[in-house]
């Protein structure tokens, strides 16, 4: 077979490509991953706790009629503002007025009987002075007069009670405020003392929230300390210092929480608003560091975090011991020290000793600058 120059030009590149294909492939380097980090600070065994609260009036009255009867009118609606002395509802007063009339008639009869007894006593006193009757007869008329006067006082008192009963057919607001619940309708028959309306009084208001049973002692120690708590309205970013005013002595048997009330004044919070109460409280551990929950990973059945070595820009896992959880923050009591930089995002794609770089949302920021901000 004759080789030509053209054939050699075709065969040589083919041989070179076969030699390259048979050579050992070069190892690929692991990618340098971008991770979010944070520098740890000492929490001193204290965590911020937040509780959902609602704004209520300091004083609420559950109003009811002092007499029973049939409701003929309801003059207020839910959420209506009322003034002191305003009529809220009305019972049918007919039976009460009849009883009042009977009591007035009894007073008139007692007055007539007392007047007659007084006249008789005067006349018999004159007869005794003239010697026409005995002392015993005079004493009998004196006793009858005293009984008649006592009956008159009794009739007048009874008439006063019946007059009050007739007036009780109108349910009147005892203070200015807002109607927060309505439990009666016209035509309904109610008993004396049955709560039918709730009136939230104008004035001071409280943020009412529930405290877990295990925090009872720590929160109770804050009662009366100005500014020990902070509160903000739902949808607002502004915190206002408040004072814990009172706390229930016993935990609720169902929820196992203590009912607590913080004084929020009367100017900036509306009745029924949702609010958030925040306080700083010690935890069961004596000390520790606050770490976001998403920084934790599981290794060999134990909790661990990725710690960044700022010199080599590599990561390694460090086993930790955890304690209390507050929201998305957990207290680490062993395994970490203040000043260490831990990975808070990207933890599930890392390997031991892997090269990483700090995530920088702004390209103008140098990549070697450590992440700011310790846990808040």
Foldseek 3Di string as FASTA:
>chain_A
DDDDPVNVVVVVVVVVVVVVVPDDDDDDADDAAAFAKEFWDWPQQKDKFKFKWFKAFPDKDQFDFQAWAAWADADDDAFDWDAFFDFGTFGDLVVLVVQLVVLVVQLVVLVVQLVVLVVVLVVVVVCVVVVNDDPVVSVVSVVSNVVSVVSNVVSVVSSVVSVVNSVSRTTGHRHTFTWHDAADDGGDIDGRPDGGTMGRHAWWMWTKGWAALVCVVFVQVQAPPWQQKWKDFPPDPDIDGWHWHDWDPAADPPPRTIITIITPTHDPDDHGTMMMMMHMTGDPDSIFIKDFQQQWDADPNFIWGWWADLVQQWTAIWGWDWDDDHDRITGTDDTDDGRIMTTRPPGVVHDHGRHYWHDDPDPVDDGSDHDYDHDD
